Each structure stands twice: as structure tokens, then as C-alpha cells.
Amino acid sequence: MAEYEITEKDSARSRAAPAPDDGAAAGTAPVAGSFVHSRLLDSVASFTHHRDITALDHSLALSLAELTLAHSVVLAKRATDGAYVESIVRCVPDAQGAYQLQVADPDLVDPSLMLLHRCMHRLEVQMERVQGMHRLVVPILHDGRAIGALQLDSDMPPAASRTLADGFARIYANYTALLHESERDKLTGLYNRRSLERQLQRLLHQREQALHKAAAATSEAHAQPGTAAAEPLQVWLAILDIDHFKRINDNYGHIYGDEVILLLAQQMRACFRRSDVLFRFGGEEFVILFGATEQATVHTVLERFRQRIAEHVFPQVGNVTVSIGYAGVGCHDYPANVLDRADKALYFAKQHGRNATYGYEHLSARGLLGREMAAGSIDLF
């Protein structure tokens, strides 16, 4: 973040300062203006420094809160297809006045965000007074549609804060568009293979935090019998491959092959949870990262998706099937290692009739994956 500190005392002094009426006072105005501009430039440089969109979201909310001394800043972001709000980040001061970031559940009904949703729907700025504060909501627009919105609750009237909020929204929209191009597959909008390591490390970090919380909760449970700590989710990686995809391209042409890939990606979004991370890994290969406590649950989820695809009728092409292999991810796994394990399970599915789902751990425990087994279809790195 920008290296400066703003206190309520500083803010009150700047708002209460009279207009300069002599040469000495007037001489200080450029200095104050330069300081404000420096703070603003520091903030913009800080949040555009990030290459990770999650970190960018957090930095944007924090920068805007610090610059406006806000009571609350909320950044809501829509999914790629605009069908729903996929994430909400809130920045609020704690009891000591230090700003804290909170990630909210976008599925929960929050009356304080009604104006924000209206803003995204109407594509225009919204304002209201709430408990003596000014609430300003500006849409984040890209190509004529709302990709999100910024909500600012502060003592500043909209006339003073709107220019800043609008400017941050425009910068954010342009910058996220560039990041989106670098980490998303152009055809499907899913993450591309370049994003895998970062997303995998993010999920492992979340699991590590959950383990620490579970350990603390277990200690508390021992002190208070009758309570049990929830088990943190393990991270799993699945690779799926469209069966006989070359035949589809040969028989129907690449246009229909691309349509199959696009429709399959849509089925993935509809079947998996918002927290699951979906990738087009190249060609007809896809990767899924998600959390589950038991392998049986993983198998059930992936089997349900496999059956869903097998029963779906694709235009012109008809029925299409997929083969799936999956493996658990250890805390210190390298992406190449876990990909190799999941790919071995996928290769087993391909060699045993296709249109099937296999887990590496299960196959390995049964001795079905010999050392002499050839590498599968995934070109790792």
C-alpha cells in the first residue's frame, strides 16, 4: 500500500482550514495540493502493481478507503458472463481505526448492498443518505456493461468523492481487462494454464489458514465438550479430456469442435460451485481445482459431471463423452507433480474404455498404476 498515514485529526484539520487570505497562506496551497496528488498517485501505483486479481481487489478497496477516510468501501464483482455477483470485498476500520479487509459471501442477502445491486442493474451512479453518512455507488463499466460496482460510505458529500470513485472504477475496469486477457482462455473465458500455479497456491494457502483455525477450534472444543471443529477441505485437482475429439474436428470441422469446447465450458460453470476454479488447459483438455474432505465426495461430484456431459446433446455433433482423472494435492506439491498423478489416472481411463472417472489414490492403492506406465496426454510445462 501507499506509504502514508491519514488520521482523523489530519482530516479534520484539512476540512476546517480557512481559505488563504494572505501571501503566506497562499504559498502553502501548492504544497498541500502536491501532497494530495502524491497520495493519489501512490495509491494508483500501489493497486495497479498487482498481477493477481484478488490482490488487486483488496488493494483497490483499501486505497479508496484510505484516501476518503471512509466508514466502509465495498467492491462487488460480477462473474465473467454477468449472470451473478461472484465476489464481494469490504474494507472497514476496526476499533483502533485501522482498515481491515473482509471477504463476504455474495449469496447472502445484505440490505446494505441493495443500492449497489441497483447500480449494476441500471448502469448509473446511485446516492443516498444512511444514518448521517453519504452513500455513493458507482458502476464499474467495460464495453457498455457493468462488471462490478464500488460502494463508498463516508462523511464526504458525493460532490467531493464521486470524481475519485469514478476515476478508480475506470482504472480498475481497464486494468482488469488486461489481466483477464493474460490469464483467461479467449474461447471459453475459463482460466488458462498460465494461471494454474497461482490459483493452486491460493487454495493451498486458504487450506493452511483453515487448518490453523481448526487447530484453535479443537483446543476450544476440548475446553467446551460437545462442540466439534469442522475439518478443513483438502484441495483436489481433476483433469478431463474430451473423448475422440479429433474425430469431431475431422467429421464436422473446427467450428463445431470449438462449439463443443465452448458448450462444455458452460456445462462446467453450471455444474461446479463458484469456489471451484476451472481451466481450459489446452485443446480439448480441462482442469478443475476444488476442495472436498473425502475422496468419495470428489468421485461423486466428478461422476455426476461426466454423466451430465454423456447425456447432453450437442448441436450437430450429438453425444460427446469425457474421461476424467483426479488426485489430491499436498501442501508442498509442485503443480507438475500433481498434474502428473491426475494425468496417470486420466490415462488409465482412456486405456480402459474412456467415458469414465478414476482417482490416482484409489488406483495406486490397488496396484493398478505400475512404474512402467507411460506418461499420459498432458504436456506439463
Protein backbone atom coordinates (compact mmCIF):
# COMPACT_ATOMS: atom_id res chain seq x y z
CA MET A 1 0.00 0.00 0.00
CA ALA A 2 0.93 3.65 -0.25
CA GLU A 3 3.40 4.68 2.43
CA TYR A 4 1.45 7.34 4.27
CA GLU A 5 -0.84 7.57 7.26
CA ILE A 6 -4.04 9.58 7.50
CA THR A 7 -5.59 10.31 10.86
CA GLU A 8 -8.99 11.71 11.74
CA LYS A 9 -7.14 14.71 13.20
CA ASP A 10 -5.37 15.38 9.89
CA SER A 11 -8.66 15.06 8.04
CA ALA A 12 -10.49 17.41 10.39
CA ARG A 13 -7.70 19.97 10.14
CA SER A 14 -7.78 19.94 6.34
CA ARG A 15 -11.56 20.34 6.22
CA ALA A 16 -11.56 23.12 8.83
CA ALA A 17 -8.69 25.11 7.32
CA PRO A 18 -9.87 28.52 6.04
CA ALA A 19 -9.18 29.70 2.53
CA PRO A 20 -5.84 31.50 2.29
CA ASP A 21 -6.19 35.29 2.56
CA ASP A 22 -2.56 36.40 2.58
CA GLY A 23 0.67 35.67 0.80
CA ALA A 24 1.99 33.26 3.41
CA ALA A 25 -1.19 31.20 3.48
CA ALA A 26 -1.46 31.20 -0.27
CA GLY A 27 2.10 29.97 -0.50
CA THR A 28 1.18 26.77 1.35
CA ALA A 29 -1.63 25.81 -1.04
CA PRO A 30 0.60 24.30 -3.76
CA VAL A 31 2.39 22.25 -1.09
CA ALA A 32 -0.91 20.84 0.23
CA GLY A 33 -2.09 20.18 -3.32
CA SER A 34 1.13 18.37 -4.16
CA PHE A 35 0.75 16.17 -1.08
CA VAL A 36 -2.79 15.17 -2.07
CA HIS A 37 -1.68 14.40 -5.62
CA SER A 38 1.25 12.37 -4.30
CA ARG A 39 -1.07 10.32 -2.10
CA LEU A 40 -3.38 9.67 -5.04
CA LEU A 41 -0.56 8.64 -7.36
CA ASP A 42 0.89 6.38 -4.68
CA SER A 43 -2.48 4.65 -4.31
CA VAL A 44 -2.94 4.13 -8.05
CA ALA A 45 0.62 2.83 -8.41
CA SER A 46 0.05 0.52 -5.45
CA PHE A 47 -3.08 -1.25 -6.62
CA THR A 48 -2.02 -1.45 -10.29
CA HIS A 49 1.23 -3.09 -9.16
CA HIS A 50 -0.65 -6.36 -8.60
CA ARG A 51 -0.89 -9.12 -11.21
CA ASP A 52 -3.26 -11.17 -9.10
CA ILE A 53 -6.88 -10.02 -9.42
CA THR A 54 -7.78 -10.99 -5.84
CA ALA A 55 -4.88 -8.91 -4.50
CA LEU A 56 -5.88 -6.11 -6.87
CA ASP A 57 -9.44 -6.13 -5.49
CA HIS A 58 -8.20 -5.88 -1.92
CA SER A 59 -5.73 -3.12 -2.74
CA LEU A 60 -8.35 -1.08 -4.60
CA ALA A 61 -10.82 -1.18 -1.69
CA LEU A 62 -8.10 -0.32 0.81
CA SER A 63 -6.69 2.54 -1.29
CA LEU A 64 -10.09 4.16 -1.75
CA ALA A 65 -10.90 3.80 1.95
CA GLU A 66 -7.62 5.42 2.99
CA LEU A 67 -7.95 8.30 0.56
CA THR A 68 -11.52 9.14 1.62
CA LEU A 69 -11.35 8.14 5.31
CA ALA A 70 -14.45 6.10 4.56
CA HIS A 71 -16.60 4.28 7.08
CA SER A 72 -16.89 1.47 4.54
CA VAL A 73 -15.82 0.65 0.99
CA VAL A 74 -17.37 -2.31 -0.83
CA LEU A 75 -16.18 -3.74 -4.14
CA ALA A 76 -18.63 -6.14 -5.80
CA LYS A 77 -17.65 -8.03 -8.92
CA ARG A 78 -19.80 -9.89 -11.41
CA ALA A 79 -18.94 -13.22 -12.99
CA THR A 80 -17.49 -13.25 -16.49
CA ASP A 81 -20.90 -13.87 -18.06
CA GLY A 82 -22.55 -11.23 -15.86
CA ALA A 83 -25.13 -13.70 -14.57
CA TYR A 84 -24.37 -13.25 -10.87
CA VAL A 85 -22.14 -11.47 -8.35
CA GLU A 86 -19.15 -13.72 -7.78
CA SER A 87 -17.25 -11.81 -5.10
CA ILE A 88 -17.65 -9.04 -2.53
CA VAL A 89 -14.77 -7.36 -0.70
CA ARG A 90 -15.48 -4.96 2.16
CA CYS A 91 -12.98 -2.59 3.79
CA VAL A 92 -13.91 -1.18 7.21
CA PRO A 93 -11.95 0.31 10.13
CA ASP A 94 -11.52 -1.72 13.30
CA ALA A 95 -11.84 -0.39 16.86
CA GLN A 96 -8.37 1.19 16.61
CA GLY A 97 -9.18 2.84 13.27
CA ALA A 98 -7.00 0.54 11.15
CA TYR A 99 -8.68 -0.64 7.98
CA GLN A 100 -9.44 -4.34 7.71
CA LEU A 101 -10.49 -6.33 4.65
CA GLN A 102 -13.37 -8.77 4.78
CA VAL A 103 -14.48 -11.21 2.08
CA ALA A 104 -18.27 -11.52 2.15
CA ASP A 105 -20.49 -14.30 0.84
CA PRO A 106 -22.07 -12.95 -2.38
CA ASP A 107 -25.04 -15.30 -1.98
CA LEU A 108 -26.18 -13.80 1.33
CA VAL A 109 -28.91 -11.18 1.21
CA ASP A 110 -27.43 -7.94 2.58
CA PRO A 111 -29.83 -4.96 2.77
CA SER A 112 -26.86 -2.56 2.87
CA LEU A 113 -25.96 -3.64 -0.67
CA MET A 114 -29.36 -3.08 -2.29
CA LEU A 115 -28.21 0.22 -3.81
CA LEU A 116 -25.10 -1.49 -5.14
CA HIS A 117 -27.14 -4.12 -6.99
CA ARG A 118 -29.42 -1.41 -8.37
CA CYS A 119 -26.36 0.46 -9.62
CA MET A 120 -25.09 -2.58 -11.54
CA HIS A 121 -28.55 -3.18 -12.98
CA ARG A 122 -29.15 0.41 -14.10
CA LEU A 123 -25.53 1.14 -15.10
CA GLU A 124 -25.62 4.52 -13.40
CA VAL A 125 -24.42 6.22 -10.22
CA GLN A 126 -26.63 5.85 -7.12
CA MET A 127 -26.68 8.00 -3.96
CA GLU A 128 -28.49 8.02 -0.63
CA ARG A 129 -28.13 9.15 2.99
CA VAL A 130 -27.72 6.38 5.56
CA GLN A 131 -27.54 7.14 9.29
CA GLY A 132 -25.98 10.54 8.71
CA MET A 133 -23.46 9.22 6.17
CA HIS A 134 -23.31 9.72 2.43
CA ARG A 135 -23.56 6.51 0.41
CA LEU A 136 -22.21 6.71 -3.13
CA VAL A 137 -22.25 3.78 -5.56
CA VAL A 138 -20.52 3.95 -8.94
CA PRO A 139 -20.67 1.22 -11.59
CA ILE A 140 -17.51 -0.36 -12.97
CA LEU A 141 -18.18 -0.47 -16.71
CA HIS A 142 -16.44 -2.30 -19.53
CA ASP A 143 -17.72 -2.45 -23.10
CA GLY A 144 -21.05 -0.97 -22.03
CA ARG A 145 -21.83 -3.50 -19.30
CA ALA A 146 -21.35 -3.48 -15.54
CA ILE A 147 -18.60 -5.82 -14.40
CA GLY A 148 -19.00 -4.62 -10.82
CA ALA A 149 -19.55 -1.60 -8.60
CA LEU A 150 -17.87 0.42 -5.85
CA GLN A 151 -19.87 1.49 -2.79
CA LEU A 152 -18.49 4.22 -0.57
CA ASP A 153 -19.96 5.17 2.84
CA SER A 154 -18.29 8.31 4.17
CA ASP A 155 -18.75 11.77 5.63
CA MET A 156 -17.70 13.27 2.30
CA PRO A 157 -20.63 14.51 0.17
CA PRO A 158 -20.91 12.83 -3.25
CA ALA A 159 -19.74 16.02 -4.97
CA ALA A 160 -16.37 15.59 -3.21
CA SER A 161 -15.92 11.82 -3.54
CA ARG A 162 -17.56 10.97 -6.87
CA THR A 163 -14.67 12.09 -9.09
CA LEU A 164 -12.25 9.93 -7.12
CA ALA A 165 -14.56 6.88 -7.06
CA ASP A 166 -15.33 7.26 -10.78
CA GLY A 167 -11.65 7.51 -11.61
CA PHE A 168 -10.76 4.42 -9.59
CA ALA A 169 -13.61 2.50 -11.23
CA ARG A 170 -12.38 3.38 -14.73
CA ILE A 171 -8.77 2.50 -13.94
CA TYR A 172 -9.88 -0.77 -12.36
CA ALA A 173 -12.04 -1.70 -15.37
CA ASN A 174 -9.21 -1.07 -17.84
CA TYR A 175 -6.60 -2.85 -15.75
CA THR A 176 -8.70 -5.92 -15.01
CA ALA A 177 -9.44 -6.23 -18.73
CA LEU A 178 -5.70 -6.51 -19.36
CA LEU A 179 -5.27 -9.07 -16.57
CA HIS A 180 -8.27 -11.00 -17.84
CA GLU A 181 -6.69 -11.30 -21.28
CA SER A 182 -3.46 -12.60 -19.79
CA GLU A 183 -4.97 -15.28 -17.54
CA ARG A 184 -8.14 -16.37 -19.33
CA ASP A 185 -8.74 -18.59 -22.34
CA LYS A 186 -10.15 -16.46 -25.16
CA LEU A 187 -12.70 -19.02 -26.38
CA THR A 188 -14.24 -20.17 -23.09
CA GLY A 189 -13.39 -17.45 -20.58
CA LEU A 190 -12.02 -20.11 -18.21
CA TYR A 191 -8.61 -19.67 -16.64
CA ASN A 192 -5.67 -20.70 -18.84
CA ARG A 193 -2.76 -22.93 -17.89
CA ARG A 194 -0.55 -19.93 -17.03
CA SER A 195 -2.87 -19.25 -14.08
CA LEU A 196 -2.71 -22.75 -12.59
CA GLU A 197 0.23 -22.35 -10.22
CA ARG A 198 -1.07 -19.08 -8.75
CA GLN A 199 -4.59 -20.45 -8.24
CA LEU A 200 -3.24 -23.66 -6.74
CA GLN A 201 -1.07 -21.75 -4.27
CA ARG A 202 -4.04 -19.56 -3.35
CA LEU A 203 -6.21 -22.60 -2.49
CA LEU A 204 -3.38 -24.24 -0.53
CA HIS A 205 -2.87 -21.02 1.42
CA GLN A 206 -6.60 -20.94 2.24
CA ARG A 207 -6.40 -24.54 3.44
CA GLU A 208 -3.38 -23.75 5.62
CA GLN A 209 -5.31 -20.90 7.23
CA ALA A 210 -8.29 -23.22 7.74
CA LEU A 211 -6.01 -25.77 9.41
CA HIS A 212 -4.78 -23.14 11.86
CA LYS A 213 -8.36 -22.12 12.64
CA ALA A 214 -9.36 -25.76 13.06
CA ALA A 215 -6.50 -26.34 15.49
CA ALA A 216 -7.61 -23.35 17.53
CA ALA A 217 -11.23 -24.54 17.41
CA THR A 218 -10.16 -28.04 18.52
CA SER A 219 -8.43 -26.57 21.56
CA GLU A 220 -11.59 -24.64 22.36
CA ALA A 221 -13.69 -27.77 21.83
CA HIS A 222 -11.63 -29.63 24.41
CA ALA A 223 -12.33 -26.80 26.82
CA GLN A 224 -16.05 -26.88 25.93
CA PRO A 225 -17.22 -30.50 25.46
CA GLY A 226 -19.97 -31.02 22.94
CA THR A 227 -18.51 -28.81 20.21
CA ALA A 228 -16.55 -30.13 17.24
CA ALA A 229 -14.28 -28.30 14.84
CA ALA A 230 -15.06 -28.58 11.14
CA GLU A 231 -12.46 -30.47 9.11
CA PRO A 232 -10.69 -28.24 6.54
CA LEU A 233 -11.22 -29.15 2.91
CA GLN A 234 -8.41 -30.87 1.06
CA VAL A 235 -7.52 -29.47 -2.37
CA TRP A 236 -8.09 -31.79 -5.34
CA LEU A 237 -7.10 -31.48 -8.98
CA ALA A 238 -9.01 -33.15 -11.80
CA ILE A 239 -8.14 -33.36 -15.49
CA LEU A 240 -10.85 -34.08 -18.02
CA ASP A 241 -10.38 -34.79 -21.69
CA ILE A 242 -12.99 -34.92 -24.47
CA ASP A 243 -13.03 -38.44 -25.91
CA HIS A 244 -12.25 -38.80 -29.64
CA PHE A 245 -12.14 -35.05 -30.10
CA LYS A 246 -10.05 -35.38 -33.27
CA ARG A 247 -12.94 -37.26 -34.87
CA ILE A 248 -15.24 -34.33 -34.11
CA ASN A 249 -12.90 -31.91 -35.85
CA ASP A 250 -12.35 -34.30 -38.77
CA ASN A 251 -16.03 -35.14 -39.26
CA TYR A 252 -17.68 -31.78 -38.53
CA GLY A 253 -14.92 -29.19 -38.83
CA HIS A 254 -13.13 -26.98 -36.31
CA ILE A 255 -16.06 -24.58 -35.97
CA TYR A 256 -18.21 -27.31 -34.46
CA GLY A 257 -15.21 -28.54 -32.47
CA ASP A 258 -14.87 -25.08 -30.93
CA GLU A 259 -18.60 -25.06 -30.23
CA VAL A 260 -18.28 -28.34 -28.31
CA ILE A 261 -15.45 -26.84 -26.23
CA LEU A 262 -17.47 -23.69 -25.55
CA LEU A 263 -20.61 -25.60 -24.55
CA LEU A 264 -18.58 -27.95 -22.36
CA ALA A 265 -17.15 -24.93 -20.52
CA GLN A 266 -20.70 -23.65 -19.98
CA GLN A 267 -21.70 -27.04 -18.55
CA MET A 268 -18.71 -26.89 -16.19
CA ARG A 269 -19.80 -23.49 -14.88
CA ALA A 270 -23.33 -24.77 -14.36
CA CYS A 271 -22.25 -27.97 -12.59
CA PHE A 272 -19.43 -26.87 -10.30
CA ARG A 273 -19.51 -24.40 -7.42
CA ARG A 274 -18.45 -20.78 -7.67
CA SER A 275 -15.50 -21.52 -5.40
CA ASP A 276 -14.22 -24.24 -7.77
CA VAL A 277 -11.55 -23.00 -10.19
CA LEU A 278 -11.98 -24.03 -13.82
CA PHE A 279 -9.30 -24.05 -16.52
CA ARG A 280 -9.07 -24.79 -20.19
CA PHE A 281 -5.65 -26.34 -20.19
CA GLY A 282 -5.19 -26.53 -23.94
CA GLY A 283 -7.05 -28.10 -26.84
CA GLU A 284 -9.72 -30.43 -25.51
CA GLU A 285 -8.22 -30.71 -22.00
CA PHE A 286 -9.66 -29.02 -18.91
CA VAL A 287 -8.56 -28.82 -15.27
CA ILE A 288 -10.65 -28.31 -12.13
CA LEU A 289 -9.35 -27.26 -8.69
CA PHE A 290 -11.74 -27.67 -5.78
CA GLY A 291 -11.99 -28.55 -2.12
CA ALA A 292 -13.54 -31.63 -0.50
CA THR A 293 -12.97 -33.56 2.72
CA GLU A 294 -13.24 -37.08 1.28
CA GLN A 295 -12.25 -38.81 -1.93
CA ALA A 296 -15.70 -40.36 -2.17
CA THR A 297 -17.21 -36.89 -2.44
CA VAL A 298 -14.72 -35.94 -5.15
CA HIS A 299 -15.56 -39.05 -7.14
CA THR A 300 -19.29 -38.46 -6.82
CA VAL A 301 -19.04 -34.84 -7.99
CA LEU A 302 -16.88 -35.70 -10.99
CA GLU A 303 -19.00 -38.71 -11.93
CA ARG A 304 -22.10 -36.52 -11.85
CA PHE A 305 -20.47 -34.14 -14.29
CA ARG A 306 -19.29 -36.96 -16.55
CA GLN A 307 -22.81 -38.36 -16.74
CA ARG A 308 -24.23 -34.90 -17.37
CA ILE A 309 -21.99 -34.49 -20.42
CA ALA A 310 -22.74 -38.00 -21.69
CA GLU A 311 -26.48 -37.23 -21.58
CA HIS A 312 -26.18 -33.78 -23.16
CA VAL A 313 -26.95 -33.47 -26.87
CA PHE A 314 -24.51 -31.13 -28.61
CA PRO A 315 -25.79 -29.34 -31.73
CA GLN A 316 -24.85 -31.13 -34.95
CA VAL A 317 -22.36 -33.38 -33.16
CA GLY A 318 -24.82 -35.21 -30.90
CA ASN A 319 -23.44 -37.08 -27.89
CA VAL A 320 -19.97 -36.43 -26.53
CA THR A 321 -18.19 -38.13 -23.64
CA VAL A 322 -15.28 -37.17 -21.39
CA SER A 323 -12.68 -39.11 -19.41
CA ILE A 324 -11.59 -37.80 -16.01
CA GLY A 325 -8.61 -38.41 -13.75
CA TYR A 326 -8.05 -36.75 -10.39
CA ALA A 327 -5.60 -36.62 -7.49
CA GLY A 328 -5.24 -34.99 -4.09
CA VAL A 329 -2.90 -32.03 -3.67
CA GLY A 330 -0.39 -31.99 -0.83
CA CYS A 331 0.61 -28.78 0.93
CA HIS A 332 4.08 -28.86 -0.64
CA ASP A 333 3.18 -30.30 -4.05
CA TYR A 334 4.57 -28.78 -7.21
CA PRO A 335 1.94 -28.26 -9.92
CA ALA A 336 3.82 -30.59 -12.29
CA ASN A 337 3.74 -33.41 -9.72
CA VAL A 338 0.03 -33.29 -9.02
CA LEU A 339 -0.73 -32.87 -12.72
CA ASP A 340 1.31 -35.97 -13.42
CA ARG A 341 -0.64 -38.01 -10.85
CA ALA A 342 -4.04 -36.85 -12.14
CA ASP A 343 -2.87 -37.44 -15.70
CA LYS A 344 -1.92 -41.03 -14.88
CA ALA A 345 -5.48 -41.60 -13.65
CA LEU A 346 -6.82 -39.95 -16.83
CA TYR A 347 -4.58 -42.13 -18.97
CA PHE A 348 -5.93 -45.20 -17.15
CA ALA A 349 -9.48 -44.09 -18.01
CA LYS A 350 -8.51 -43.62 -21.67
CA GLN A 351 -6.93 -47.07 -21.79
CA HIS A 352 -9.94 -48.77 -20.18
CA GLY A 353 -12.83 -47.76 -22.39
CA ARG A 354 -12.98 -43.96 -21.93
CA ASN A 355 -16.10 -42.17 -20.59
CA ALA A 356 -15.01 -42.96 -17.01
CA THR A 357 -13.68 -41.32 -13.83
CA TYR A 358 -10.68 -42.60 -11.87
CA GLY A 359 -8.74 -41.31 -8.87
CA TYR A 360 -4.97 -41.70 -8.63
CA GLU A 361 -5.01 -42.63 -4.94
CA HIS A 362 -7.55 -45.41 -5.46
CA LEU A 363 -5.72 -46.83 -8.50
CA SER A 364 -2.38 -46.64 -6.74
CA ALA A 365 -3.69 -48.39 -3.61
CA ARG A 366 -4.94 -51.26 -5.79
CA GLY A 367 -1.60 -51.53 -7.59
CA LEU A 368 -3.09 -50.64 -10.95
CA LEU A 369 -0.54 -47.95 -11.77
CA GLY A 370 2.78 -49.67 -12.49
CA ARG A 371 6.10 -47.84 -12.68
CA GLU A 372 6.38 -48.74 -16.32
CA MET A 373 3.17 -46.87 -17.14
CA ALA A 374 3.70 -44.33 -19.89
CA ALA A 375 3.01 -40.63 -19.40
CA GLY A 376 -0.48 -39.53 -20.28
CA SER A 377 -1.80 -36.90 -22.64
CA ILE A 378 -0.95 -33.76 -20.68
CA ASP A 379 2.06 -31.79 -21.87
CA LEU A 380 3.12 -30.49 -18.47
CA PHE A 381 5.27 -27.38 -18.98
